[in-house]
Amino acid sequence: MSAALSSSPAPLHPVRNRGLITCAIMLATIMQVLDTSIANVALPHMQGSLSASQEEISWVLTSYIVAAAIMTPVTGWLVARLGRRTVFLISVAGFTFASMLCGAAATLPQIVVFRMLQGVFGAALVPLSQAVLLDIYPKEKHGSAMSIWSVGIMVAPILGPTIGGALTDSFNWRWVFYINLPIGIIAFFGILVFLTESKRDRGRPFDLFGFAFLSLAIGALQMVLDRGHSKDWFGSSEIVVEAGLALAAIWIFLVHMITAKKPFLTPAIFRDRNFVVANIFMFIASFIMYATLALFPAMLTMLNYPITTTGMLQAPRGIAMMLVMMMIGRFIGRVDVRFFLALAYGGMGFALWQMTGFSSAMDMWPFITAGVIQGLSFGFLFVPLNAVAFGSLKPEMRTEATALYSLIRNTGGSIGIAIAETVLGRSIQINHAVLAESVTPYNQALREPAVQSFWSLDTLGGLSALDHMVNAQAAMIGYNNNFKLMMIVCFCAIPLLMFLRPARRAGAPVPAPATE
């Protein structure tokens, strides 16, 4: 592929049905992103239906995550060999069919295999949708295009548990997969009719060596993150072996990428400073976002909020994020994106600082207030970050770059969830031991008549109630410690803004997209 230089940012060939193409590819993308979280709330129901243990049913999530992570980097090569329209159609059809198989699964091994197929076929949907939007919209409208993409990508994980819970309660767990059928059919025919095929490079070789070691690194890392908490991390020989495999494989892959003539990933991508720094920011943002999403439902459940109320309390965050994302696209190119990123990370840090003061005695308004501030901050972050990541990247590198960008986002989320669960678990153990030191017959506060009526040290019921309270307080301290850690990470990210180059102002001459 070759990039043609022009003073106009418009494509060489006008794009027809741009709106219909956008609707079709975003339907497919939202379908895939929803599936990363929609099945979570249905796991207990699956566990009983499929006669699986707690550890076994977790493979329903793990198989999907690992398969999608391994196949995401292959997107660039597949598009070069087959064309983006063909890859899109195969991905949508395969993902929809695998969803139907998941819904019809009768045994645990069946649903694990079918979820793996979902991950394989769905891996290309997110990076492809981003690359297509960047290609079909002119340069001056990239901000608006990334607003549309970001709304689908970032809001869908928040809505996933709510939709999954509603489908499971109203029907059964199988409908969290069956719901993909009508969406997949509409998306498939929309892409088939309106999206044109890209130019193919059938002579592009497949770097099997590079793919094998990158896949090994990703797969081993995902296994470490998924199973580390339950296996006591590096106290387990399994985790040590998997972590060693991940480190060795990524080292071999990096050496091979630098020295090979035609490596699996093009090293030129990493010469674009804005793209590299934007990936670091995306990693941190995903770390914070997914860790928060993992902690909030469990914390609200611990505080005895009903499932429906838990979902409603998280909705303001998603609404605030969506409103800002829909608005901010028009300012990209007019305002320095570094201002938006500083505002976003500052706002996230402030919201997390508020969360460090959460207690079991407060009402729901602190949750809502902190959630809205965090949602607004995420809204100011993702659209400008997407714009700056690909603003100076050559068009022929977009598909490969968006695949890597999606991989970094998912890896950041996985690491965030793993660290949050570990910090929470260990904080609960430590704080429970510290608080329990005060539960003795010599503590005069526990001998007060008003306290004895419900926390009696002389009855099993009183001791049980007291232990429950100690557990709850230890857990709340653990949640606060998590929010404090994320706040520190957030504020430490702000100085990295100095490494970003200012984005090109709107109206400045830019290279035209590559001919396809």
Protein backbone atom coordinates (compact mmCIF):
# COMPACT_ATOMS: atom_id res chain seq x y z
CA MET A 1 0.00 0.00 0.00
CA SER A 2 1.14 3.53 -0.66
CA ALA A 3 -0.03 6.77 0.85
CA ALA A 4 -0.81 9.58 -1.58
CA LEU A 5 0.04 13.07 -0.34
CA SER A 6 -2.59 15.74 -0.77
CA SER A 7 -3.52 19.05 0.76
CA SER A 8 -7.05 17.79 1.25
CA PRO A 9 -7.88 15.38 4.03
CA ALA A 10 -10.76 13.85 2.10
CA PRO A 11 -10.45 10.32 0.73
CA LEU A 12 -9.49 9.90 -2.93
CA HIS A 13 -12.80 8.08 -3.54
CA PRO A 14 -15.94 9.41 -1.79
CA VAL A 15 -17.45 6.96 0.67
CA ARG A 16 -21.12 6.17 0.08
CA ASN A 17 -23.55 5.17 2.80
CA ARG A 18 -21.14 6.26 5.51
CA GLY A 19 -23.89 6.39 8.13
CA LEU A 20 -25.18 2.91 7.31
CA ILE A 21 -21.66 1.47 7.38
CA THR A 22 -21.12 3.08 10.79
CA CYS A 23 -24.36 1.60 12.16
CA ALA A 24 -23.54 -1.90 10.84
CA ILE A 25 -19.98 -2.10 12.14
CA MET A 26 -20.89 -0.55 15.50
CA LEU A 27 -23.68 -3.10 15.98
CA ALA A 28 -21.15 -5.87 15.45
CA THR A 29 -18.65 -4.21 17.77
CA ILE A 30 -21.11 -3.56 20.59
CA MET A 31 -22.27 -7.18 20.32
CA GLN A 32 -18.72 -8.39 20.87
CA VAL A 33 -17.87 -5.93 23.68
CA LEU A 34 -21.09 -6.71 25.55
CA ASP A 35 -20.15 -10.38 25.57
CA THR A 36 -17.03 -9.67 27.61
CA SER A 37 -19.21 -8.73 30.60
CA ILE A 38 -22.80 -9.78 29.91
CA ALA A 39 -22.14 -13.41 30.90
CA ASN A 40 -20.62 -12.52 34.29
CA VAL A 41 -23.91 -12.17 36.15
CA ALA A 42 -25.21 -15.41 34.62
CA LEU A 43 -22.30 -17.53 35.89
CA PRO A 44 -24.06 -18.76 39.06
CA HIS A 45 -27.02 -19.91 36.96
CA MET A 46 -24.70 -21.64 34.48
CA GLN A 47 -22.87 -23.31 37.34
CA GLY A 48 -26.03 -25.02 38.58
CA SER A 49 -27.33 -25.88 35.12
CA LEU A 50 -24.03 -27.40 33.96
CA SER A 51 -23.13 -29.02 37.32
CA ALA A 52 -19.80 -27.19 37.51
CA SER A 53 -17.68 -26.10 40.44
CA GLN A 54 -16.77 -22.46 41.13
CA GLU A 55 -13.32 -22.88 39.55
CA GLU A 56 -14.64 -24.84 36.56
CA ILE A 57 -17.31 -22.31 35.65
CA SER A 58 -14.68 -19.54 35.58
CA TRP A 59 -13.32 -21.16 32.41
CA VAL A 60 -16.41 -19.82 30.62
CA LEU A 61 -14.82 -16.38 31.01
CA THR A 62 -11.16 -17.42 30.78
CA SER A 63 -11.52 -19.35 27.51
CA TYR A 64 -13.14 -16.35 25.82
CA ILE A 65 -10.58 -13.83 27.11
CA VAL A 66 -7.53 -15.93 26.23
CA ALA A 67 -8.79 -16.82 22.72
CA ALA A 68 -9.69 -13.20 21.93
CA ALA A 69 -6.36 -11.89 23.25
CA ILE A 70 -4.35 -14.36 21.16
CA MET A 71 -6.27 -13.71 17.95
CA THR A 72 -6.45 -9.90 18.17
CA PRO A 73 -2.90 -9.25 16.83
CA VAL A 74 -3.62 -11.44 13.76
CA THR A 75 -6.18 -8.92 12.48
CA GLY A 76 -3.69 -6.91 10.43
CA TRP A 77 -2.36 -9.94 8.56
CA LEU A 78 -5.85 -11.34 7.92
CA VAL A 79 -7.05 -8.03 6.47
CA ALA A 80 -3.99 -7.82 4.21
CA ARG A 81 -4.56 -11.34 2.86
CA LEU A 82 -8.36 -11.54 2.74
CA GLY A 83 -9.60 -7.94 2.73
CA ARG A 84 -11.32 -6.10 5.56
CA ARG A 85 -14.90 -6.76 4.30
CA THR A 86 -14.29 -10.49 4.10
CA VAL A 87 -12.69 -10.61 7.55
CA PHE A 88 -15.55 -8.57 8.98
CA LEU A 89 -18.19 -10.88 7.51
CA ILE A 90 -16.41 -14.05 8.66
CA SER A 91 -15.97 -12.58 12.13
CA VAL A 92 -19.61 -11.53 12.52
CA ALA A 93 -20.98 -14.81 11.12
CA GLY A 94 -18.62 -16.93 13.21
CA PHE A 95 -19.26 -14.96 16.38
CA THR A 96 -23.04 -15.14 15.95
CA PHE A 97 -22.98 -18.88 15.22
CA ALA A 98 -20.70 -19.52 18.21
CA SER A 99 -23.12 -17.51 20.39
CA MET A 100 -25.96 -19.83 19.35
CA LEU A 101 -23.80 -22.84 20.21
CA CYS A 102 -23.05 -21.34 23.64
CA GLY A 103 -26.75 -20.90 24.28
CA ALA A 104 -27.46 -24.51 23.32
CA ALA A 105 -24.50 -26.01 25.25
CA ALA A 106 -25.47 -28.97 27.43
CA THR A 107 -22.15 -29.59 29.22
CA LEU A 108 -19.29 -27.55 30.64
CA PRO A 109 -16.70 -28.70 28.04
CA GLN A 110 -19.09 -27.72 25.26
CA ILE A 111 -19.65 -24.16 26.48
CA VAL A 112 -15.92 -23.68 27.15
CA VAL A 113 -15.08 -24.73 23.56
CA PHE A 114 -17.89 -22.59 22.12
CA ARG A 115 -16.80 -19.58 24.17
CA MET A 116 -13.30 -20.09 22.80
CA LEU A 117 -14.77 -19.97 19.28
CA GLN A 118 -16.55 -16.76 20.22
CA GLY A 119 -13.22 -15.27 21.24
CA VAL A 120 -11.49 -16.42 18.04
CA PHE A 121 -14.12 -14.94 15.72
CA GLY A 122 -14.84 -11.83 17.79
CA ALA A 123 -11.22 -10.75 18.26
CA ALA A 124 -11.06 -8.78 15.00
CA LEU A 125 -14.32 -6.87 15.44
CA VAL A 126 -13.11 -4.08 17.74
CA PRO A 127 -9.84 -3.19 15.94
CA LEU A 128 -11.50 -3.54 12.53
CA SER A 129 -14.35 -1.22 13.45
CA GLN A 130 -11.92 1.45 14.63
CA ALA A 131 -9.76 1.12 11.50
CA VAL A 132 -12.79 1.29 9.19
CA LEU A 133 -14.17 4.42 10.89
CA LEU A 134 -10.79 6.13 10.56
CA ASP A 135 -10.72 5.19 6.86
CA ILE A 136 -14.26 6.17 5.83
CA TYR A 137 -14.30 9.53 7.65
CA PRO A 138 -12.12 12.46 6.50
CA LYS A 139 -9.40 13.72 8.80
CA GLU A 140 -11.40 16.65 10.16
CA LYS A 141 -14.18 14.28 11.27
CA HIS A 142 -11.95 11.73 13.02
CA GLY A 143 -12.90 13.22 16.39
CA SER A 144 -16.60 12.63 15.75
CA ALA A 145 -15.91 9.14 14.41
CA MET A 146 -13.92 8.23 17.51
CA SER A 147 -16.74 9.63 19.67
CA ILE A 148 -19.13 7.12 18.10
CA TRP A 149 -16.64 4.29 18.49
CA SER A 150 -15.73 5.18 22.07
CA VAL A 151 -19.37 5.35 23.18
CA GLY A 152 -19.92 1.77 21.99
CA ILE A 153 -16.64 0.40 23.32
CA MET A 154 -16.64 2.02 26.75
CA VAL A 155 -20.34 2.15 27.65
CA ALA A 156 -21.10 -1.44 26.59
CA PRO A 157 -19.07 -3.05 29.43
CA ILE A 158 -20.98 -0.92 31.94
CA LEU A 159 -24.36 -1.92 30.50
CA GLY A 160 -23.38 -5.58 30.07
CA PRO A 161 -24.05 -6.75 33.65
CA THR A 162 -27.38 -4.89 33.75
CA ILE A 163 -28.57 -6.41 30.46
CA GLY A 164 -27.24 -9.84 31.42
CA GLY A 165 -29.05 -9.71 34.77
CA ALA A 166 -32.33 -8.66 33.15
CA LEU A 167 -32.18 -11.44 30.54
CA THR A 168 -31.25 -14.07 33.12
CA ASP A 169 -34.01 -13.03 35.52
CA SER A 170 -36.70 -12.71 32.82
CA PHE A 171 -35.77 -15.81 30.81
CA ASN A 172 -32.63 -17.86 31.64
CA TRP A 173 -28.85 -17.67 31.22
CA ARG A 174 -28.96 -19.01 27.65
CA TRP A 175 -30.52 -15.75 26.43
CA VAL A 176 -27.36 -13.78 27.18
CA PHE A 177 -26.03 -15.63 24.10
CA TYR A 178 -29.21 -15.95 22.03
CA ILE A 179 -29.63 -12.16 22.08
CA ASN A 180 -26.68 -11.95 19.67
CA LEU A 181 -28.61 -13.66 16.83
CA PRO A 182 -30.77 -10.72 15.65
CA ILE A 183 -27.92 -8.24 16.22
CA GLY A 184 -25.47 -10.42 14.29
CA ILE A 185 -27.84 -10.91 11.35
CA ILE A 186 -28.52 -7.18 10.98
CA ALA A 187 -24.80 -6.35 11.25
CA PHE A 188 -23.83 -9.09 8.76
CA PHE A 189 -26.19 -7.89 6.01
CA GLY A 190 -25.34 -4.24 6.68
CA ILE A 191 -21.63 -4.94 6.18
CA LEU A 192 -22.32 -7.21 3.19
CA VAL A 193 -24.35 -4.56 1.36
CA PHE A 194 -22.64 -1.29 2.25
CA LEU A 195 -18.96 -1.90 3.07
CA THR A 196 -16.60 -2.10 0.11
CA GLU A 197 -13.65 -4.49 -0.03
CA SER A 198 -10.14 -3.21 0.56
CA LYS A 199 -7.11 -3.96 -1.57
CA ARG A 200 -5.47 -7.28 -0.72
CA ASP A 201 -1.81 -8.16 -0.35
CA ARG A 202 -1.81 -11.91 -1.04
CA GLY A 203 1.97 -11.98 -1.07
CA ARG A 204 2.31 -10.89 2.55
CA PRO A 205 3.95 -13.78 4.44
CA PHE A 206 2.72 -15.03 7.81
CA ASP A 207 5.35 -14.82 10.54
CA LEU A 208 4.52 -18.11 12.26
CA PHE A 209 7.48 -17.89 14.64
CA GLY A 210 6.52 -14.41 15.83
CA PHE A 211 2.83 -15.31 16.14
CA ALA A 212 3.61 -18.46 18.11
CA PHE A 213 5.69 -16.68 20.73
CA LEU A 214 3.36 -13.68 20.98
CA SER A 215 0.42 -16.07 21.45
CA LEU A 216 2.34 -17.99 24.11
CA ALA A 217 3.16 -14.75 25.94
CA ILE A 218 -0.43 -13.48 25.82
CA GLY A 219 -1.97 -16.83 26.76
CA ALA A 220 0.42 -17.40 29.67
CA LEU A 221 -0.06 -13.84 30.95
CA GLN A 222 -3.85 -14.17 30.84
CA MET A 223 -3.62 -17.44 32.77
CA VAL A 224 -1.46 -15.75 35.42
CA LEU A 225 -3.94 -12.88 35.76
CA ASP A 226 -7.00 -15.10 35.79
CA ARG A 227 -5.77 -17.78 38.20
CA GLY A 228 -3.19 -15.89 40.25
CA HIS A 229 -5.58 -14.69 42.93
CA SER A 230 -7.08 -18.12 43.59
CA LYS A 231 -3.63 -19.81 43.51
CA ASP A 232 -1.94 -17.34 45.90
CA TRP A 233 0.13 -15.91 43.05
CA PHE A 234 3.82 -16.81 43.20
CA GLY A 235 3.25 -19.18 46.08
CA SER A 236 1.94 -21.54 43.40
CA SER A 237 4.30 -23.42 41.09
CA GLU A 238 1.70 -23.18 38.32
CA ILE A 239 1.75 -19.36 38.41
CA VAL A 240 5.57 -19.29 38.54
CA VAL A 241 5.77 -21.50 35.42
CA GLU A 242 3.16 -19.46 33.55
CA ALA A 243 4.81 -16.15 34.47
CA GLY A 244 8.20 -17.52 33.37
CA LEU A 245 6.72 -18.64 30.06
CA ALA A 246 5.15 -15.23 29.51
CA LEU A 247 8.40 -13.34 30.18
CA ALA A 248 10.54 -15.68 28.07
CA ALA A 249 8.07 -15.68 25.18
CA ILE A 250 7.68 -11.90 25.06
CA TRP A 251 11.48 -11.46 25.17
CA ILE A 252 11.96 -13.87 22.25
CA PHE A 253 9.14 -12.16 20.35
CA LEU A 254 10.64 -8.67 20.81
CA VAL A 255 14.11 -9.81 19.70
CA HIS A 256 12.58 -11.54 16.68
CA MET A 257 10.47 -8.47 15.80
CA ILE A 258 13.55 -6.23 15.79
CA THR A 259 15.76 -8.59 13.80
CA ALA A 260 13.37 -10.31 11.35
CA LYS A 261 12.89 -8.97 7.81
CA LYS A 262 9.09 -9.26 7.86
CA PRO A 263 8.00 -9.69 11.49
CA PHE A 264 4.49 -10.33 12.75
CA LEU A 265 4.20 -6.73 14.02
CA THR A 266 5.77 -3.89 12.05
CA PRO A 267 8.41 -2.15 14.22
CA ALA A 268 7.66 1.14 12.44
CA ILE A 269 4.45 1.41 14.48
CA PHE A 270 6.54 1.96 17.62
CA ARG A 271 8.44 4.85 16.03
CA ASP A 272 5.31 7.01 16.31
CA ARG A 273 5.76 8.59 19.74
CA ASN A 274 2.15 9.67 20.11
CA PHE A 275 0.92 6.13 19.42
CA VAL A 276 3.28 4.64 22.00
CA VAL A 277 2.42 7.19 24.71
CA ALA A 278 -1.31 6.88 23.92
CA ASN A 279 -1.04 3.12 24.47
CA ILE A 280 0.48 3.77 27.92
CA PHE A 281 -2.40 6.11 28.75
CA MET A 282 -4.93 3.57 27.46
CA PHE A 283 -3.34 0.84 29.58
CA ILE A 284 -3.64 3.01 32.72
CA ALA A 285 -7.20 4.11 31.92
CA SER A 286 -8.33 0.52 31.30
CA PHE A 287 -6.59 -0.55 34.50
CA ILE A 288 -8.61 1.98 36.50
CA MET A 289 -11.90 1.58 34.65
CA TYR A 290 -12.13 -2.21 34.74
CA ALA A 291 -10.84 -2.44 38.31
CA THR A 292 -13.52 0.02 39.41
CA LEU A 293 -16.21 -1.86 37.50
CA ALA A 294 -15.11 -5.08 39.19
CA LEU A 295 -15.11 -3.58 42.71
CA PHE A 296 -18.32 -1.54 42.69
CA PRO A 297 -20.92 -4.34 42.34
CA ALA A 298 -19.26 -6.47 45.04
CA MET A 299 -18.99 -3.49 47.39
CA LEU A 300 -22.65 -2.52 46.93
CA THR A 301 -23.72 -6.13 47.43
CA MET A 302 -21.71 -6.24 50.67
CA LEU A 303 -23.62 -3.13 51.79
CA ASN A 304 -26.89 -5.03 51.20
CA TYR A 305 -28.05 -3.13 48.12
CA PRO A 306 -30.40 -5.22 45.90
CA ILE A 307 -29.11 -6.29 42.47
CA THR A 308 -31.48 -3.89 40.69
CA THR A 309 -30.36 -0.95 42.82
CA THR A 310 -26.72 -1.91 42.25
CA GLY A 311 -27.24 -1.65 38.51
CA MET A 312 -29.08 1.67 38.83
CA LEU A 313 -26.30 3.18 40.96
CA GLN A 314 -23.77 2.40 38.22
CA ALA A 315 -25.95 3.83 35.45
CA PRO A 316 -25.12 7.54 36.13
CA ARG A 317 -21.43 6.82 35.43
CA GLY A 318 -22.26 5.36 32.01
CA ILE A 319 -24.72 8.16 31.17
CA ALA A 320 -22.22 10.87 32.09
CA MET A 321 -19.51 9.17 30.05
CA MET A 322 -21.77 8.80 27.03
CA LEU A 323 -22.92 12.44 27.08
CA VAL A 324 -19.37 13.79 27.16
CA MET A 325 -18.21 11.40 24.43
CA MET A 326 -21.05 12.47 22.14
CA MET A 327 -20.16 16.13 22.65
CA ILE A 328 -16.38 16.21 22.73
CA GLY A 329 -15.70 15.00 19.19
CA ARG A 330 -16.43 18.42 17.70
CA PHE A 331 -13.64 19.99 19.79
CA ILE A 332 -10.92 17.59 18.63
CA GLY A 333 -8.49 19.56 16.46
CA ARG A 334 -9.58 22.86 17.99
CA VAL A 335 -8.41 22.33 21.56
CA ASP A 336 -5.09 20.72 22.50
CA VAL A 337 -5.90 17.12 23.43
CA ARG A 338 -3.37 17.31 26.26
CA PHE A 339 -5.74 19.70 28.03
CA PHE A 340 -8.55 17.12 27.82
CA LEU A 341 -6.26 14.33 29.02
CA ALA A 342 -5.04 16.40 31.98
CA LEU A 343 -8.65 17.23 32.85
CA ALA A 344 -9.61 13.54 32.55
CA TYR A 345 -6.85 12.16 34.76
CA GLY A 346 -7.26 14.99 37.26
CA GLY A 347 -11.00 14.29 37.44
CA MET A 348 -10.46 10.55 37.82
CA GLY A 349 -7.94 11.16 40.59
CA PHE A 350 -10.40 13.46 42.40
CA ALA A 351 -13.22 10.90 42.10
CA LEU A 352 -10.95 8.16 43.44
CA TRP A 353 -9.91 10.43 46.31
CA GLN A 354 -13.60 10.76 47.18
CA MET A 355 -13.94 6.98 47.05
CA THR A 356 -11.18 6.55 49.64
CA GLY A 357 -13.63 8.04 52.14
CA PHE A 358 -16.43 5.55 51.46
CA SER A 359 -17.92 3.93 54.56
CA SER A 360 -20.64 1.43 55.36
CA ALA A 361 -22.64 4.10 57.20
CA MET A 362 -23.25 6.47 54.25
CA ASP A 363 -26.22 6.64 51.90
CA MET A 364 -26.16 6.13 48.11
CA TRP A 365 -25.34 9.73 47.10
CA PRO A 366 -21.55 9.52 47.53
CA PHE A 367 -21.57 6.52 45.15
CA ILE A 368 -23.58 8.46 42.58
CA THR A 369 -21.48 11.64 42.90
CA ALA A 370 -18.15 9.83 42.56
CA GLY A 371 -19.52 7.72 39.70
CA VAL A 372 -20.71 10.77 37.74
CA ILE A 373 -17.34 12.54 38.18
CA GLN A 374 -15.53 9.40 37.08
CA GLY A 375 -17.86 9.00 34.09
CA LEU A 376 -17.30 12.61 33.01
CA SER A 377 -13.55 12.09 33.33
CA PHE A 378 -13.58 8.93 31.22
CA GLY A 379 -15.63 10.81 28.63
CA PHE A 380 -12.93 13.48 28.37
CA LEU A 381 -10.27 10.79 28.08
CA PHE A 382 -11.11 8.13 25.51
CA VAL A 383 -12.12 10.21 22.48
CA PRO A 384 -9.08 12.58 22.56
CA LEU A 385 -6.82 9.62 23.34
CA ASN A 386 -8.07 7.68 20.31
CA ALA A 387 -7.63 10.76 18.13
CA VAL A 388 -4.06 11.44 19.22
CA ALA A 389 -3.07 7.76 19.01
CA PHE A 390 -3.86 7.51 15.30
CA GLY A 391 -3.63 11.14 14.24
CA SER A 392 0.00 10.95 13.07
CA LEU A 393 0.09 7.25 12.18
CA LYS A 394 0.35 6.28 8.52
CA PRO A 395 -3.01 5.02 7.16
CA GLU A 396 -1.54 1.71 5.96
CA MET A 397 -0.60 0.89 9.56
CA ARG A 398 -4.06 1.51 11.03
CA THR A 399 -5.44 -2.01 11.06
CA GLU A 400 -2.33 -3.45 12.70
CA ALA A 401 -2.15 -0.51 15.11
CA THR A 402 -5.82 -0.75 16.16
CA ALA A 403 -5.35 -4.46 16.87
CA LEU A 404 -2.39 -3.70 19.13
CA TYR A 405 -4.33 -0.84 20.75
CA SER A 406 -7.23 -3.20 21.56
CA LEU A 407 -4.81 -5.78 22.98
CA ILE A 408 -3.25 -3.15 25.26
CA ARG A 409 -6.70 -2.01 26.42
CA ASN A 410 -7.81 -5.55 27.26
CA THR A 411 -4.51 -6.39 28.97
CA GLY A 412 -4.72 -3.25 31.10
CA GLY A 413 -8.23 -4.22 32.15
CA SER A 414 -7.19 -7.77 33.02
CA ILE A 415 -4.22 -6.58 35.09
CA GLY A 416 -6.41 -3.98 36.83
CA ILE A 417 -9.00 -6.57 37.85
CA ALA A 418 -6.32 -9.01 39.03
CA ILE A 419 -4.53 -6.40 41.16
CA ALA A 420 -7.82 -5.08 42.58
CA GLU A 421 -8.91 -8.57 43.65
CA THR A 422 -5.52 -9.27 45.21
CA VAL A 423 -5.34 -5.97 47.11
CA LEU A 424 -8.90 -6.48 48.33
CA GLY A 425 -8.32 -10.07 49.47
CA ARG A 426 -5.10 -9.33 51.32
CA SER A 427 -6.48 -6.13 52.88
CA ILE A 428 -9.45 -8.04 54.22
CA GLN A 429 -7.17 -10.65 55.81
CA ILE A 430 -4.82 -8.10 57.38
CA ASN A 431 -7.52 -5.70 58.56
CA HIS A 432 -9.69 -8.50 59.92
CA ALA A 433 -6.77 -9.66 62.07
CA VAL A 434 -6.09 -6.11 63.28
CA LEU A 435 -9.74 -5.36 64.10
CA ALA A 436 -10.21 -8.76 65.76
CA GLU A 437 -7.49 -7.87 68.27
CA SER A 438 -9.98 -5.51 69.91
CA VAL A 439 -12.66 -8.21 70.23
CA THR A 440 -11.84 -9.43 73.72
CA PRO A 441 -13.75 -9.70 77.03
CA TYR A 442 -11.52 -6.88 78.33
CA ASN A 443 -12.82 -4.33 75.79
CA GLN A 444 -15.17 -2.22 77.93
CA ALA A 445 -16.96 -0.82 74.87
CA LEU A 446 -18.25 -4.33 74.07
CA ARG A 447 -19.57 -4.67 77.63
CA GLU A 448 -21.96 -1.74 77.31
CA PRO A 449 -25.60 -2.91 77.66
CA ALA A 450 -26.64 -1.29 74.36
CA VAL A 451 -23.83 -3.16 72.55
CA GLN A 452 -24.47 -6.43 74.38
CA SER A 453 -28.02 -6.53 73.01
CA PHE A 454 -26.75 -7.35 69.50
CA TRP A 455 -22.97 -7.99 69.84
CA SER A 456 -22.88 -10.21 72.90
CA LEU A 457 -19.59 -12.01 73.50
CA ASP A 458 -21.43 -14.65 75.49
CA THR A 459 -23.73 -16.03 72.76
CA LEU A 460 -23.09 -17.65 69.39
CA GLY A 461 -25.53 -15.26 67.73
CA GLY A 462 -23.78 -12.23 69.18
CA LEU A 463 -20.33 -13.49 68.19
CA SER A 464 -21.58 -14.27 64.69
CA ALA A 465 -23.03 -10.78 64.28
CA LEU A 466 -19.81 -9.23 65.58
CA ASP A 467 -17.69 -11.30 63.19
CA HIS A 468 -19.92 -10.23 60.30
CA MET A 469 -19.41 -6.58 61.23
CA VAL A 470 -15.63 -7.03 61.51
CA ASN A 471 -15.59 -8.67 58.06
CA ALA A 472 -17.62 -5.82 56.59
CA GLN A 473 -15.35 -3.15 58.07
CA ALA A 474 -12.21 -5.01 56.95
CA ALA A 475 -13.65 -5.27 53.45
CA MET A 476 -14.52 -1.56 53.34
CA ILE A 477 -10.94 -0.70 54.31
CA GLY A 478 -9.81 -3.03 51.52
CA TYR A 479 -11.98 -1.20 48.98
CA ASN A 480 -10.65 2.15 50.19
CA ASN A 481 -7.06 0.87 49.83
CA ASN A 482 -7.83 -0.12 46.25
CA PHE A 483 -9.21 3.31 45.43
CA LYS A 484 -6.17 4.93 47.04
CA LEU A 485 -3.83 2.82 44.88
CA MET A 486 -5.73 3.75 41.71
CA MET A 487 -5.71 7.43 42.73
CA ILE A 488 -1.91 7.36 43.03
CA VAL A 489 -1.58 5.65 39.63
CA CYS A 490 -3.89 8.28 38.15
CA PHE A 491 -1.96 11.29 39.38
CA CYS A 492 1.39 9.68 38.45
CA ALA A 493 0.17 9.39 34.84
CA ILE A 494 -0.33 13.14 34.37
CA PRO A 495 3.40 14.02 33.92
CA LEU A 496 3.51 11.64 30.92
CA LEU A 497 1.55 14.27 28.98
CA MET A 498 4.82 16.10 28.34
CA PHE A 499 5.84 13.26 26.00
CA LEU A 500 2.84 13.80 23.70
CA ARG A 501 3.32 15.98 20.64
CA PRO A 502 0.61 18.61 20.04
CA ALA A 503 -2.00 17.32 17.61
CA ARG A 504 -2.35 18.99 14.20
CA ARG A 505 -4.88 21.80 14.24
CA ALA A 506 -8.04 21.51 12.18
CA GLY A 507 -7.59 22.82 8.66
CA ALA A 508 -3.86 22.08 8.50
CA PRO A 509 -2.67 20.09 5.47
CA VAL A 510 -2.59 16.37 6.22
CA PRO A 511 -1.74 13.26 4.26
CA ALA A 512 -4.72 11.67 2.53
CA PRO A 513 -5.69 8.11 3.46
CA ALA A 514 -3.94 5.34 1.59
CA THR A 515 -5.55 4.06 -1.58
CA GLU A 516 -7.05 0.63 -1.15
